[in-house]
PDB file of N, CA and C in Angstrom:
ATOM      1  N   MET A   1      -5.336  63.538 138.427  1.00  0.00           N
ATOM      2  CA  MET A   1      -5.373  64.923 138.405  1.00  0.00           C
ATOM      3  C   MET A   1      -5.806  65.702 139.607  1.00  0.00           C
ATOM      4  N   LEU A   2      -7.033  65.280 139.996  1.00  0.00           N
ATOM      5  CA  LEU A   2      -7.517  65.706 140.723  1.00  0.00           C
ATOM      6  C   LEU A   2      -7.134  65.200 142.056  1.00  0.00           C
ATOM      7  N   PHE A   3      -6.173  64.177 142.707  1.00  0.00           N
ATOM      8  CA  PHE A   3      -5.791  63.678 143.335  1.00  0.00           C
ATOM      9  C   PHE A   3      -4.592  64.344 143.884  1.00  0.00           C
ATOM     10  N   THR A   4      -3.847  65.300 143.018  1.00  0.00           N
ATOM     11  CA  THR A   4      -2.675  66.426 142.963  1.00  0.00           C
ATOM     12  C   THR A   4      -3.588  67.395 143.733  1.00  0.00           C
ATOM     13  N   GLN A   5      -4.847  67.576 142.755  1.00  0.00           N
ATOM     14  CA  GLN A   5      -5.462  68.900 143.420  1.00  0.00           C
ATOM     15  C   GLN A   5      -5.470  69.264 144.749  1.00  0.00           C
ATOM     16  N   ILE A   6      -6.345  67.813 145.551  1.00  0.00           N
ATOM     17  CA  ILE A   6      -6.673  67.564 146.814  1.00  0.00           C
ATOM     18  C   ILE A   6      -5.260  67.040 147.432  1.00  0.00           C
ATOM     19  N   ILE A   7      -4.099  66.789 147.261  1.00  0.00           N
ATOM     20  CA  ILE A   7      -2.989  66.885 148.485  1.00  0.00           C
ATOM     21  C   ILE A   7      -2.106  68.177 148.170  1.00  0.00           C
ATOM     22  N   LEU A   8      -1.860  69.105 147.282  1.00  0.00           N
ATOM     23  CA  LEU A   8      -1.315  70.243 147.222  1.00  0.00           C
ATOM     24  C   LEU A   8      -3.009  71.202 147.705  1.00  0.00           C
ATOM     25  N   GLY A   9      -3.947  70.817 147.608  1.00  0.00           N
ATOM     26  CA  GLY A   9      -5.061  72.438 148.249  1.00  0.00           C
ATOM     27  C   GLY A   9      -4.691  72.175 149.879  1.00  0.00           C
ATOM     28  N   ALA A  10      -4.786  70.705 149.846  1.00  0.00           N
ATOM     29  CA  ALA A  10      -4.551  70.243 151.718  1.00  0.00           C
ATOM     30  C   ALA A  10      -3.121  70.732 152.016  1.00  0.00           C
ATOM     31  N   PHE A  11      -2.079  70.414 151.752  1.00  0.00           N
ATOM     32  CA  PHE A  11      -0.709  70.688 152.410  1.00  0.00           C
ATOM     33  C   PHE A  11      -0.210  72.684 151.596  1.00  0.00           C
ATOM     34  N   MET A  12      -0.683  73.191 151.054  1.00  0.00           N
ATOM     35  CA  MET A  12      -0.516  74.335 150.240  1.00  0.00           C
ATOM     36  C   MET A  12       0.483  75.118 151.047  1.00  0.00           C
ATOM     37  N   ASP A  13       0.532  75.327 153.023  1.00  0.00           N
ATOM     38  CA  ASP A  13       1.485  75.940 152.869  1.00  0.00           C
ATOM     39  C   ASP A  13       2.523  75.357 153.091  1.00  0.00           C
ATOM     40  N   LYS A  14       2.762  74.137 153.557  1.00  0.00           N
ATOM     41  CA  LYS A  14       3.667  73.390 153.803  1.00  0.00           C
ATOM     42  C   LYS A  14       4.523  73.283 152.211  1.00  0.00           C
ATOM     43  N   ILE A  15       3.525  72.743 151.496  1.00  0.00           N
ATOM     44  CA  ILE A  15       4.327  72.715 150.183  1.00  0.00           C
ATOM     45  C   ILE A  15       5.033  73.547 149.571  1.00  0.00           C
ATOM     46  N   SER A  16       4.338  75.087 149.935  1.00  0.00           N
ATOM     47  CA  SER A  16       4.790  76.158 149.491  1.00  0.00           C
ATOM     48  C   SER A  16       6.320  77.079 149.810  1.00  0.00           C
ATOM     49  N   GLU A  17       6.167  76.509 151.447  1.00  0.00           N
ATOM     50  CA  GLU A  17       7.342  76.596 152.052  1.00  0.00           C
ATOM     51  C   GLU A  17       8.681  76.010 151.873  1.00  0.00           C
ATOM     52  N   ARG A  18       8.559  74.680 150.803  1.00  0.00           N
ATOM     53  CA  ARG A  18       9.731  73.766 150.126  1.00  0.00           C
ATOM     54  C   ARG A  18       9.581  74.141 148.843  1.00  0.00           C
ATOM     55  N   LEU A  19       9.052  74.368 148.517  1.00  0.00           N
ATOM     56  CA  LEU A  19       8.985  74.812 146.739  1.00  0.00           C
ATOM     57  C   LEU A  19       8.944  75.811 146.382  1.00  0.00           C
ATOM     58  N   GLY A  20       8.481  77.215 147.080  1.00  0.00           N
ATOM     59  CA  GLY A  20       7.940  77.990 146.297  1.00  0.00           C
ATOM     60  C   GLY A  20       7.098  78.683 146.345  1.00  0.00           C
ATOM     61  N   GLY A  21       6.392  79.930 145.634  1.00  0.00           N
ATOM     62  CA  GLY A  21       5.239  80.584 145.534  1.00  0.00           C
ATOM     63  C   GLY A  21       4.454  79.731 144.134  1.00  0.00           C
ATOM     64  N   TRP A  22       5.624  79.767 143.179  1.00  0.00           N
ATOM     65  CA  TRP A  22       4.937  78.446 141.959  1.00  0.00           C
ATOM     66  C   TRP A  22       4.113  78.149 142.140  1.00  0.00           C
ATOM     67  N   ILE A  23       3.891  76.787 142.802  1.00  0.00           N
ATOM     68  CA  ILE A  23       3.342  76.079 143.411  1.00  0.00           C
ATOM     69  C   ILE A  23       1.759  75.917 143.574  1.00  0.00           C
ATOM     70  N   PHE A  24       1.616  77.528 143.892  1.00  0.00           N
ATOM     71  CA  PHE A  24       0.068  77.919 144.138  1.00  0.00           C
ATOM     72  C   PHE A  24      -0.174  78.086 143.022  1.00  0.00           C
ATOM     73  N   ASN A  25       0.772  78.714 141.921  1.00  0.00           N
ATOM     74  CA  ASN A  25       0.038  78.800 140.423  1.00  0.00           C
ATOM     75  C   ASN A  25      -0.130  77.786 139.558  1.00  0.00           C
ATOM     76  N   PHE A  26       0.475  76.708 140.130  1.00  0.00           N
ATOM     77  CA  PHE A  26       0.366  75.418 139.327  1.00  0.00           C
ATOM     78  C   PHE A  26      -0.599  74.814 140.155  1.00  0.00           C
ATOM     79  N   HIS A  27      -1.247  74.902 141.096  1.00  0.00           N
ATOM     80  CA  HIS A  27      -2.397  74.461 141.395  1.00  0.00           C
ATOM     81  C   HIS A  27      -3.916  74.813 141.049  1.00  0.00           C
ATOM     82  N   VAL A  28      -3.518  76.220 140.357  1.00  0.00           N
ATOM     83  CA  VAL A  28      -4.492  76.813 139.837  1.00  0.00           C
ATOM     84  C   VAL A  28      -4.716  76.846 138.231  1.00  0.00           C
ATOM     85  N   ILE A  29      -3.485  76.404 137.654  1.00  0.00           N
ATOM     86  CA  ILE A  29      -3.781  76.541 136.159  1.00  0.00           C
ATOM     87  C   ILE A  29      -3.960  74.793 136.151  1.00  0.00           C
ATOM     88  N   GLU A  30      -3.688  73.833 137.044  1.00  0.00           N
ATOM     89  CA  GLU A  30      -4.175  72.591 136.840  1.00  0.00           C
ATOM     90  C   GLU A  30      -5.171  72.462 137.234  1.00  0.00           C
ATOM     91  N   GLY A  31      -5.955  72.854 138.260  1.00  0.00           N
ATOM     92  CA  GLY A  31      -7.388  73.404 138.423  1.00  0.00           C
ATOM     93  C   GLY A  31      -7.974  73.426 137.306  1.00  0.00           C
ATOM     94  N   VAL A  32      -7.542  74.305 136.848  1.00  0.00           N
ATOM     95  CA  VAL A  32      -8.542  75.037 135.283  1.00  0.00           C
ATOM     96  C   VAL A  32      -9.005  73.215 134.611  1.00  0.00           C
ATOM     97  N   LEU A  33      -7.307  73.304 134.347  1.00  0.00           N
ATOM     98  CA  LEU A  33      -7.602  71.745 133.734  1.00  0.00           C
ATOM     99  C   LEU A  33      -8.408  70.646 133.750  1.00  0.00           C
ATOM    100  N   VAL A  34      -8.539  70.763 135.040  1.00  0.00           N
ATOM    101  CA  VAL A  34      -9.085  69.207 135.580  1.00  0.00           C
ATOM    102  C   VAL A  34     -10.387  69.862 135.003  1.00  0.00           C
ATOM    103  N   TYR A  35     -11.019  70.990 135.748  1.00  0.00           N
ATOM    104  CA  TYR A  35     -12.081  71.416 135.294  1.00  0.00           C
ATOM    105  C   TYR A  35     -12.796  71.424 134.112  1.00  0.00           C
ATOM    106  N   VAL A  36     -11.869  71.675 133.037  1.00  0.00           N
ATOM    107  CA  VAL A  36     -12.318  72.056 131.607  1.00  0.00           C
ATOM    108  C   VAL A  36     -12.568  70.539 130.904  1.00  0.00           C
ATOM    109  N   LEU A  37     -11.455  69.837 131.313  1.00  0.00           N
ATOM    110  CA  LEU A  37     -11.523  67.587 131.462  1.00  0.00           C
ATOM    111  C   LEU A  37     -13.195  67.250 132.064  1.00  0.00           C
ATOM    112  N   ALA A  38     -13.270  67.492 133.381  1.00  0.00           N
ATOM    113  CA  ALA A  38     -14.206  67.450 133.841  1.00  0.00           C
ATOM    114  C   ALA A  38     -15.996  67.975 133.327  1.00  0.00           C
ATOM    115  N   PHE A  39     -15.812  69.301 132.462  1.00  0.00           N
ATOM    116  CA  PHE A  39     -16.818  69.946 131.557  1.00  0.00           C
ATOM    117  C   PHE A  39     -17.140  69.339 130.420  1.00  0.00           C
ATOM    118  N   SER A  40     -16.024  68.574 129.804  1.00  0.00           N
ATOM    119  CA  SER A  40     -15.894  68.003 128.470  1.00  0.00           C
ATOM    120  C   SER A  40     -16.443  66.442 128.430  1.00  0.00           C
ATOM    121  N   HIS A  41     -16.916  65.535 129.147  1.00  0.00           N
ATOM    122  CA  HIS A  41     -17.564  65.023 129.940  1.00  0.00           C
ATOM    123  C   HIS A  41     -18.982  64.939 129.387  1.00  0.00           C
ATOM    124  N   PRO A  42     -19.689  66.073 130.098  1.00  0.00           N
ATOM    125  CA  PRO A  42     -21.190  66.216 130.223  1.00  0.00           C
ATOM    126  C   PRO A  42     -21.338  66.588 128.197  1.00  0.00           C
ATOM    127  N   ILE A  43     -20.227  67.297 127.487  1.00  0.00           N
ATOM    128  CA  ILE A  43     -20.701  68.110 126.667  1.00  0.00           C
ATOM    129  C   ILE A  43     -20.292  66.252 125.546  1.00  0.00           C
ATOM    130  N   LEU A  44     -19.422  65.767 125.721  1.00  0.00           N
ATOM    131  CA  LEU A  44     -19.284  65.167 124.646  1.00  0.00           C
ATOM    132  C   LEU A  44     -20.364  64.135 124.787  1.00  0.00           C
ATOM    133  N   PHE A  45     -20.795  63.630 126.370  1.00  0.00           N
ATOM    134  CA  PHE A  45     -22.128  62.697 126.169  1.00  0.00           C
ATOM    135  C   PHE A  45     -23.233  63.427 125.899  1.00  0.00           C
ATOM    136  N   LEU A  46     -23.551  64.966 125.773  1.00  0.00           N
ATOM    137  CA  LEU A  46     -24.623  65.679 124.923  1.00  0.00           C
ATOM    138  C   LEU A  46     -24.395  65.115 123.639  1.00  0.00           C
ATOM    139  N   LEU A  47     -23.373  65.695 122.757  1.00  0.00           N
ATOM    140  CA  LEU A  47     -22.783  64.880 121.662  1.00  0.00           C
ATOM    141  C   LEU A  47     -22.960  63.385 120.959  1.00  0.00           C
ATOM    142  N   SER A  48     -22.593  63.061 122.090  1.00  0.00           N
ATOM    143  CA  SER A  48     -23.363  61.634 121.140  1.00  0.00           C
ATOM    144  C   SER A  48     -24.522  61.013 121.556  1.00  0.00           C
ATOM    145  N   VAL A  49     -25.320  61.689 122.429  1.00  0.00           N
ATOM    146  CA  VAL A  49     -26.428  61.163 122.197  1.00  0.00           C
ATOM    147  C   VAL A  49     -27.439  62.155 121.303  1.00  0.00           C
ATOM    148  N   TYR A  50     -26.602  63.039 120.938  1.00  0.00           N
ATOM    149  CA  TYR A  50     -27.267  64.119 119.462  1.00  0.00           C
ATOM    150  C   TYR A  50     -27.063  62.732 118.870  1.00  0.00           C
ATOM    151  N   PHE A  51     -25.890  63.025 117.929  1.00  0.00           N
ATOM    152  CA  PHE A  51     -25.563  62.166 116.807  1.00  0.00           C
ATOM    153  C   PHE A  51     -26.296  60.638 117.295  1.00  0.00           C
ATOM    154  N   ALA A  52     -26.389  60.090 118.458  1.00  0.00           N
ATOM    155  CA  ALA A  52     -27.033  58.715 118.064  1.00  0.00           C
ATOM    156  C   ALA A  52     -28.337  58.948 117.718  1.00  0.00           C
ATOM    157  N   GLY A  53     -29.039  59.701 118.091  1.00  0.00           N
ATOM    158  CA  GLY A  53     -30.561  60.078 116.928  1.00  0.00           C
ATOM    159  C   GLY A  53     -31.451  60.767 118.120  1.00  0.00           C
ATOM    160  N   ALA A  54     -31.097  60.642 119.446  1.00  0.00           N
ATOM    161  CA  ALA A  54     -32.000  60.837 120.655  1.00  0.00           C
ATOM    162  C   ALA A  54     -32.359  62.424 121.112  1.00  0.00           C
ATOM    163  N   GLY A  55     -31.612  63.724 120.001  1.00  0.00           N
ATOM    164  CA  GLY A  55     -31.867  64.386 119.634  1.00  0.00           C
ATOM    165  C   GLY A  55     -30.629  65.201 121.357  1.00  0.00           C
ATOM    166  N   PHE A  56     -31.230  66.831 120.610  1.00  0.00           N
ATOM    167  CA  PHE A  56     -30.139  67.548 121.811  1.00  0.00           C
ATOM    168  C   PHE A  56     -31.536  67.478 123.229  1.00  0.00           C
ATOM    169  N   ASP A  57     -30.965  67.149 124.252  1.00  0.00           N
ATOM    170  CA  ASP A  57     -31.112  67.355 125.556  1.00  0.00           C
ATOM    171  C   ASP A  57     -30.738  67.435 127.126  1.00  0.00           C
ATOM    172  N   PRO A  58     -30.048  69.045 127.034  1.00  0.00           N
ATOM    173  CA  PRO A  58     -29.348  68.997 128.091  1.00  0.00           C
ATOM    174  C   PRO A  58     -29.586  68.778 129.412  1.00  0.00           C
ATOM    175  N   TYR A  59     -31.089  68.847 129.667  1.00  0.00           N
ATOM    176  CA  TYR A  59     -31.289  68.214 130.806  1.00  0.00           C
ATOM    177  C   TYR A  59     -31.403  66.920 131.005  1.00  0.00           C
ATOM    178  N   MET A  60     -31.347  65.796 130.281  1.00  0.00           N
ATOM    179  CA  MET A  60     -30.884  64.344 130.476  1.00  0.00           C
ATOM    180  C   MET A  60     -29.901  64.327 130.785  1.00  0.00           C
ATOM    181  N   VAL A  61     -28.671  65.034 130.293  1.00  0.00           N
ATOM    182  CA  VAL A  61     -27.046  65.152 130.353  1.00  0.00           C
ATOM    183  C   VAL A  61     -27.012  65.786 131.715  1.00  0.00           C
ATOM    184  N   PHE A  62     -27.372  66.721 132.056  1.00  0.00           N
ATOM    185  CA  PHE A  62     -27.134  67.400 133.216  1.00  0.00           C
ATOM    186  C   PHE A  62     -27.599  67.332 134.390  1.00  0.00           C
ATOM    187  N   ILE A  63     -29.063  67.306 134.210  1.00  0.00           N
ATOM    188  CA  ILE A  63     -29.622  67.152 135.511  1.00  0.00           C
ATOM    189  C   ILE A  63     -30.355  65.869 135.815  1.00  0.00           C
ATOM    190  N   ASN A  64     -31.076  65.240 134.882  1.00  0.00           N
ATOM    191  CA  ASN A  64     -31.532  63.935 135.218  1.00  0.00           C
ATOM    192  C   ASN A  64     -30.557  63.381 136.047  1.00  0.00           C
ATOM    193  N   ALA A  65     -31.268  62.707 137.244  1.00  0.00           N
ATOM    194  CA  ALA A  65     -30.599  61.629 137.832  1.00  0.00           C
ATOM    195  C   ALA A  65     -31.748  60.865 138.856  1.00  0.00           C
ATOM    196  N   CYS A  66     -31.475  59.868 138.695  1.00  0.00           N
ATOM    197  CA  CYS A  66     -32.618  58.798 139.552  1.00  0.00           C
ATOM    198  C   CYS A  66     -31.810  58.214 140.570  1.00  0.00           C
ATOM    199  N   VAL A  67     -32.503  57.736 141.822  1.00  0.00           N
ATOM    200  CA  VAL A  67     -32.162  57.094 143.305  1.00  0.00           C
ATOM    201  C   VAL A  67     -32.693  55.809 143.101  1.00  0.00           C
ATOM    202  N   ILE A  68     -33.986  55.421 142.251  1.00  0.00           N
ATOM    203  CA  ILE A  68     -33.734  53.702 141.754  1.00  0.00           C
ATOM    204  C   ILE A  68     -33.679  53.796 140.608  1.00  0.00           C
ATOM    205  N   CYS A  69     -32.882  53.554 140.260  1.00  0.00           N
ATOM    206  CA  CYS A  69     -32.688  53.278 138.260  1.00  0.00           C
ATOM    207  C   CYS A  69     -33.186  51.912 137.581  1.00  0.00           C
ATOM    208  N   ASN A  70     -33.463  52.500 136.858  1.00  0.00           N
ATOM    209  CA  ASN A  70     -33.225  50.814 135.423  1.00  0.00           C
ATOM    210  C   ASN A  70     -33.027  50.277 135.816  1.00  0.00           C
ATOM    211  N   ALA A  71     -31.354  50.362 134.943  1.00  0.00           N
ATOM    212  CA  ALA A  71     -30.130  49.862 134.216  1.00  0.00           C
ATOM    213  C   ALA A  71     -28.949  50.357 135.620  1.00  0.00           C
ATOM    214  N   PRO A  72     -28.517  49.149 135.623  1.00  0.00           N
ATOM    215  CA  PRO A  72     -27.125  49.476 136.572  1.00  0.00           C
ATOM    216  C   PRO A  72     -26.249  51.163 136.343  1.00  0.00           C
ATOM    217  N   SER A  73     -26.275  51.091 134.743  1.00  0.00           N
ATOM    218  CA  SER A  73     -24.970  52.087 134.293  1.00  0.00           C
ATOM    219  C   SER A  73     -25.482  53.677 134.280  1.00  0.00           C
ATOM    220  N   ASP A  74     -27.255  53.385 134.628  1.00  0.00           N
ATOM    221  CA  ASP A  74     -27.953  55.016 135.316  1.00  0.00           C
ATOM    222  C   ASP A  74     -27.441  55.500 136.335  1.00  0.00           C
ATOM    223  N   TYR A  75     -26.841  54.726 137.466  1.00  0.00           N
ATOM    224  CA  TYR A  75     -26.246  54.897 138.439  1.00  0.00           C
ATOM    225  C   TYR A  75     -24.946  55.557 138.524  1.00  0.00           C
ATOM    226  N   PHE A  76     -24.199  54.984 137.883  1.00  0.00           N
ATOM    227  CA  PHE A  76     -23.081  55.549 137.267  1.00  0.00           C
ATOM    228  C   PHE A  76     -23.178  57.064 136.484  1.00  0.00           C
ATOM    229  N   LEU A  77     -23.811  57.161 135.843  1.00  0.00           N
ATOM    230  CA  LEU A  77     -24.412  58.295 135.083  1.00  0.00           C
ATOM    231  C   LEU A  77     -24.563  59.248 136.205  1.00  0.00           C
ATOM    232  N   THR A  78     -25.480  58.645 137.515  1.00  0.00           N
ATOM    233  CA  THR A  78     -26.147  59.634 138.139  1.00  0.00           C
ATOM    234  C   THR A  78     -25.246  60.434 139.173  1.00  0.00           C
ATOM    235  N   LEU A  79     -23.960  59.406 139.903  1.00  0.00           N
ATOM    236  CA  LEU A  79     -22.818  59.232 139.875  1.00  0.00           C
ATOM    237  C   LEU A  79     -21.682  60.660 139.519  1.00  0.00           C
ATOM    238  N   GLY A  80     -22.011  60.398 138.391  1.00  0.00           N
ATOM    239  CA  GLY A  80     -21.127  61.519 137.478  1.00  0.00           C
ATOM    240  C   GLY A  80     -22.242  62.846 137.422  1.00  0.00           C
ATOM    241  N   ARG A  81     -22.937  63.005 137.222  1.00  0.00           N
ATOM    242  CA  ARG A  81     -24.060  64.025 137.297  1.00  0.00           C
ATOM    243  C   ARG A  81     -23.728  64.909 138.613  1.00  0.00           C
ATOM    244  N   VAL A  82     -23.582  63.941 139.847  1.00  0.00           N
ATOM    245  CA  VAL A  82     -23.926  64.700 141.226  1.00  0.00           C
ATOM    246  C   VAL A  82     -22.130  65.673 141.472  1.00  0.00           C
ATOM    247  N   SER A  83     -21.310  64.323 141.043  1.00  0.00           N
ATOM    248  CA  SER A  83     -19.865  64.863 140.584  1.00  0.00           C
ATOM    249  C   SER A  83     -19.772  65.918 140.185  1.00  0.00           C
ATOM    250  N   PHE A  84     -20.576  66.186 139.494  1.00  0.00           N
ATOM    251  CA  PHE A  84     -19.960  67.463 138.133  1.00  0.00           C
ATOM    252  C   PHE A  84     -20.511  68.692 138.878  1.00  0.00           C
ATOM    253  N   TRP A  85     -21.563  68.455 139.852  1.00  0.00           N
ATOM    254  CA  TRP A  85     -21.798  69.567 140.289  1.00  0.00           C
ATOM    255  C   TRP A  85     -21.568  69.893 141.426  1.00  0.00           C
ATOM    256  N   LEU A  86     -21.253  69.387 142.027  1.00  0.00           N
ATOM    257  CA  LEU A  86     -20.632  69.004 143.028  1.00  0.00           C
ATOM    258  C   LEU A  86     -18.685  70.072 142.961  1.00  0.00           C
ATOM    259  N   LEU A  87     -18.336  69.946 141.896  1.00  0.00           N
ATOM    260  CA  LEU A  87     -17.130  69.884 141.183  1.00  0.00           C
ATOM    261  C   LEU A  87     -17.368  71.487 141.473  1.00  0.00           C
ATOM    262  N   SER A  88     -18.346  71.773 140.306  1.00  0.00           N
ATOM    263  CA  SER A  88     -18.687  73.174 139.930  1.00  0.00           C
ATOM    264  C   SER A  88     -19.117  74.107 140.693  1.00  0.00           C
ATOM    265  N   ILE A  89     -19.473  73.535 141.929  1.00  0.00           N
ATOM    266  CA  ILE A  89     -19.402  74.441 143.528  1.00  0.00           C
ATOM    267  C   ILE A  89     -18.076  74.845 143.674  1.00  0.00           C
ATOM    268  N   ALA A  90     -17.507  73.932 144.152  1.00  0.00           N
ATOM    269  CA  ALA A  90     -15.955  73.918 144.575  1.00  0.00           C
ATOM    270  C   ALA A  90     -15.107  75.246 143.544  1.00  0.00           C
ATOM    271  N   VAL A  91     -15.648  74.917 142.418  1.00  0.00           N
ATOM    272  CA  VAL A  91     -14.783  75.604 141.496  1.00  0.00           C
ATOM    273  C   VAL A  91     -15.233  76.968 141.383  1.00  0.00           C
ATOM    274  N   PHE A  92     -16.699  77.502 141.344  1.00  0.00           N
ATOM    275  CA  PHE A  92     -16.795  79.048 141.542  1.00  0.00           C
ATOM    276  C   PHE A  92     -16.764  79.290 142.950  1.00  0.00           C
ATOM    277  N   ALA A  93     -16.584  78.229 143.534  1.00  0.00           N
ATOM    278  CA  ALA A  93     -16.666  79.197 145.026  1.00  0.00           C
ATOM    279  C   ALA A  93     -14.811  79.762 145.040  1.00  0.00           C
ATOM    280  N   ALA A  94     -14.038  79.125 144.531  1.00  0.00           N
ATOM    281  CA  ALA A  94     -12.326  79.351 144.791  1.00  0.00           C
ATOM    282  C   ALA A  94     -12.687  80.674 143.700  1.00  0.00           C
ATOM    283  N   LEU A  95     -13.173  80.679 142.409  1.00  0.00           N
ATOM    284  CA  LEU A  95     -13.028  81.657 141.429  1.00  0.00           C
ATOM    285  C   LEU A  95     -13.327  83.370 142.325  1.00  0.00           C
ATOM    286  N   PHE A  96     -14.528  83.093 142.712  1.00  0.00           N
ATOM    287  CA  PHE A  96     -15.449  83.858 143.437  1.00  0.00           C
ATOM    288  C   PHE A  96     -14.969  84.680 144.487  1.00  0.00           C
ATOM    289  N   ARG A  97     -14.005  83.863 145.342  1.00  0.00           N
ATOM    290  CA  ARG A  97     -13.764  83.992 146.549  1.00  0.00           C
ATOM    291  C   ARG A  97     -12.956  85.138 147.404  1.00  0.00           C
ATOM    292  N   LYS A  98     -12.810  86.238 146.326  1.00  0.00           N
ATOM    293  CA  LYS A  98     -12.841  87.596 146.937  1.00  0.00           C
ATOM    294  C   LYS A  98     -13.876  88.621 146.181  1.00  0.00           C
ATOM    295  N   ALA A  99     -15.064  87.762 145.844  1.00  0.00           N
ATOM    296  CA  ALA A  99     -15.617  88.900 145.691  1.00  0.00           C
ATOM    297  C   ALA A  99     -16.538  89.403 146.792  1.00  0.00           C
ATOM    298  N   ASN A 100     -16.614  89.237 147.309  1.00  0.00           N
ATOM    299  CA  ASN A 100     -17.305  89.978 148.721  1.00  0.00           C
ATOM    300  C   ASN A 100     -16.837  89.553 149.868  1.00  0.00           C
ATOM    301  N   SER A 101     -16.911  90.399 151.252  1.00  0.00           N
ATOM    302  CA  SER A 101     -16.630  89.756 152.320  1.00  0.00           C
ATOM    303  C   SER A 101     -17.015  88.272 153.103  1.00  0.00           C
ATOM    304  N   TRP A 102     -18.703  88.000 152.617  1.00  0.00           N
ATOM    305  CA  TRP A 102     -18.864  86.441 153.038  1.00  0.00           C
ATOM    306  C   TRP A 102     -17.967  85.860 152.493  1.00  0.00           C
ATOM    307  N   MET A 103     -18.022  86.071 150.741  1.00  0.00           N
ATOM    308  CA  MET A 103     -17.636  84.670 149.855  1.00  0.00           C
ATOM    309  C   MET A 103     -15.888  84.778 150.630  1.00  0.00           C
ATOM    310  N   LYS A 104     -15.121  85.818 151.265  1.00  0.00           N
ATOM    311  CA  LYS A 104     -14.014  85.484 151.779  1.00  0.00           C
ATOM    312  C   LYS A 104     -13.764  85.020 152.876  1.00  0.00           C
ATOM    313  N   ALA A 105     -14.868  85.186 153.361  1.00  0.00           N
ATOM    314  CA  ALA A 105     -14.511  83.778 154.722  1.00  0.00           C
ATOM    315  C   ALA A 105     -14.966  82.795 154.648  1.00  0.00           C
ATOM    316  N   ASN A 106     -15.936  82.246 153.742  1.00  0.00           N
ATOM    317  CA  ASN A 106     -16.694  81.239 153.790  1.00  0.00           C
ATOM    318  C   ASN A 106     -16.248  80.159 152.546  1.00  0.00           C
ATOM    319  N   TRP A 107     -15.172  80.449 151.769  1.00  0.00           N
ATOM    320  CA  TRP A 107     -14.947  80.073 150.121  1.00  0.00           C
ATOM    321  C   TRP A 107     -14.498  78.313 150.796  1.00  0.00           C
ATOM    322  N   ARG A 108     -13.540  78.477 151.498  1.00  0.00           N
ATOM    323  CA  ARG A 108     -13.172  77.409 151.872  1.00  0.00           C
ATOM    324  C   ARG A 108     -13.936  75.999 152.097  1.00  0.00           C
ATOM    325  N   LYS A 109     -15.130  76.392 152.953  1.00  0.00           N
ATOM    326  CA  LYS A 109     -16.231  75.602 153.126  1.00  0.00           C
ATOM    327  C   LYS A 109     -17.022  74.739 152.093  1.00  0.00           C
ATOM    328  N   PHE A 110     -17.166  75.889 150.642  1.00  0.00           N
ATOM    329  CA  PHE A 110     -17.059  74.843 149.558  1.00  0.00           C
ATOM    330  C   PHE A 110     -16.286  74.021 149.130  1.00  0.00           C
ATOM    331  N   HIS A 111     -15.176  74.621 148.983  1.00  0.00           N
ATOM    332  CA  HIS A 111     -13.806  74.125 148.286  1.00  0.00           C
ATOM    333  C   HIS A 111     -13.747  72.719 149.317  1.00  0.00           C
ATOM    334  N   VAL A 112     -14.284  72.491 149.707  1.00  0.00           N
ATOM    335  CA  VAL A 112     -14.276  71.213 150.417  1.00  0.00           C
ATOM    336  C   VAL A 112     -14.892  69.962 150.131  1.00  0.00           C
ATOM    337  N   LEU A 113     -15.752  70.993 148.993  1.00  0.00           N
ATOM    338  CA  LEU A 113     -16.290  69.318 147.949  1.00  0.00           C
ATOM    339  C   LEU A 113     -15.778  68.562 147.405  1.00  0.00           C
ATOM    340  N   ASN A 114     -14.193  69.170 147.016  1.00  0.00           N
ATOM    341  CA  ASN A 114     -13.419  68.357 146.117  1.00  0.00           C
ATOM    342  C   ASN A 114     -13.096  67.038 146.823  1.00  0.00           C
ATOM    343  N   TYR A 115     -13.378  66.953 148.235  1.00  0.00           N
ATOM    344  CA  TYR A 115     -12.914  65.774 148.782  1.00  0.00           C
ATOM    345  C   TYR A 115     -14.233  64.844 148.489  1.00  0.00           C
ATOM    346  N   LEU A 116     -15.490  64.771 148.373  1.00  0.00           N
ATOM    347  CA  LEU A 116     -16.555  64.124 148.098  1.00  0.00           C
ATOM    348  C   LEU A 116     -16.565  63.923 146.949  1.00  0.00           C
ATOM    349  N   VAL A 117     -16.111  64.788 145.987  1.00  0.00           N
ATOM    350  CA  VAL A 117     -16.021  64.930 144.406  1.00  0.00           C
ATOM    351  C   VAL A 117     -15.145  63.667 144.369  1.00  0.00           C
ATOM    352  N   PHE A 118     -13.962  63.564 144.363  1.00  0.00           N
ATOM    353  CA  PHE A 118     -12.764  62.821 144.523  1.00  0.00           C
ATOM    354  C   PHE A 118     -13.325  61.156 145.304  1.00  0.00           C
ATOM    355  N   LEU A 119     -14.234  61.055 146.173  1.00  0.00           N
ATOM    356  CA  LEU A 119     -14.791  59.426 146.419  1.00  0.00           C
ATOM    357  C   LEU A 119     -15.362  59.339 146.035  1.00  0.00           C
ATOM    358  N   ILE A 120     -16.437  60.333 145.266  1.00  0.00           N
ATOM    359  CA  ILE A 120     -18.005  59.429 144.681  1.00  0.00           C
ATOM    360  C   ILE A 120     -16.841  58.836 143.254  1.00  0.00           C
TER     361      ILE A 120
END
C-alpha cells in the first residue's frame, strides 16, 4: 500500500491526466488507511506488552530507541519507531498543507519523507 502511495504521489499529474481526478481522492483515502494501519502497530505492541505483564509504558513503545542494541530484534523495533515518526511527520504535513502560507509552500518537502519510510 505504501508503494502504491509513493507511485501515485510521484506521478500524480501524469496519472490524473489519464485516469481523471478520482485518483487523487483514492490517494488520500488510501493514505489515511495506510496511516491507520501503521498507527495500529505500536498500539497493538503497547497492548501486547501490557497484557504480557510489563505494564503500560507508551515511552517504551513510541520513543525508546537504541543505536547500540542488546538484542538484534531491538534494531527492528528502533527502525519501526523511526519509520513511524517520519511517516507521522509526512502525514501531518499533508493534512496541514493549507494551514498557512509557509506550510502551503513547504509541505511537499516534509511529504518526501515517505520515500525514506519506504526504504526503512
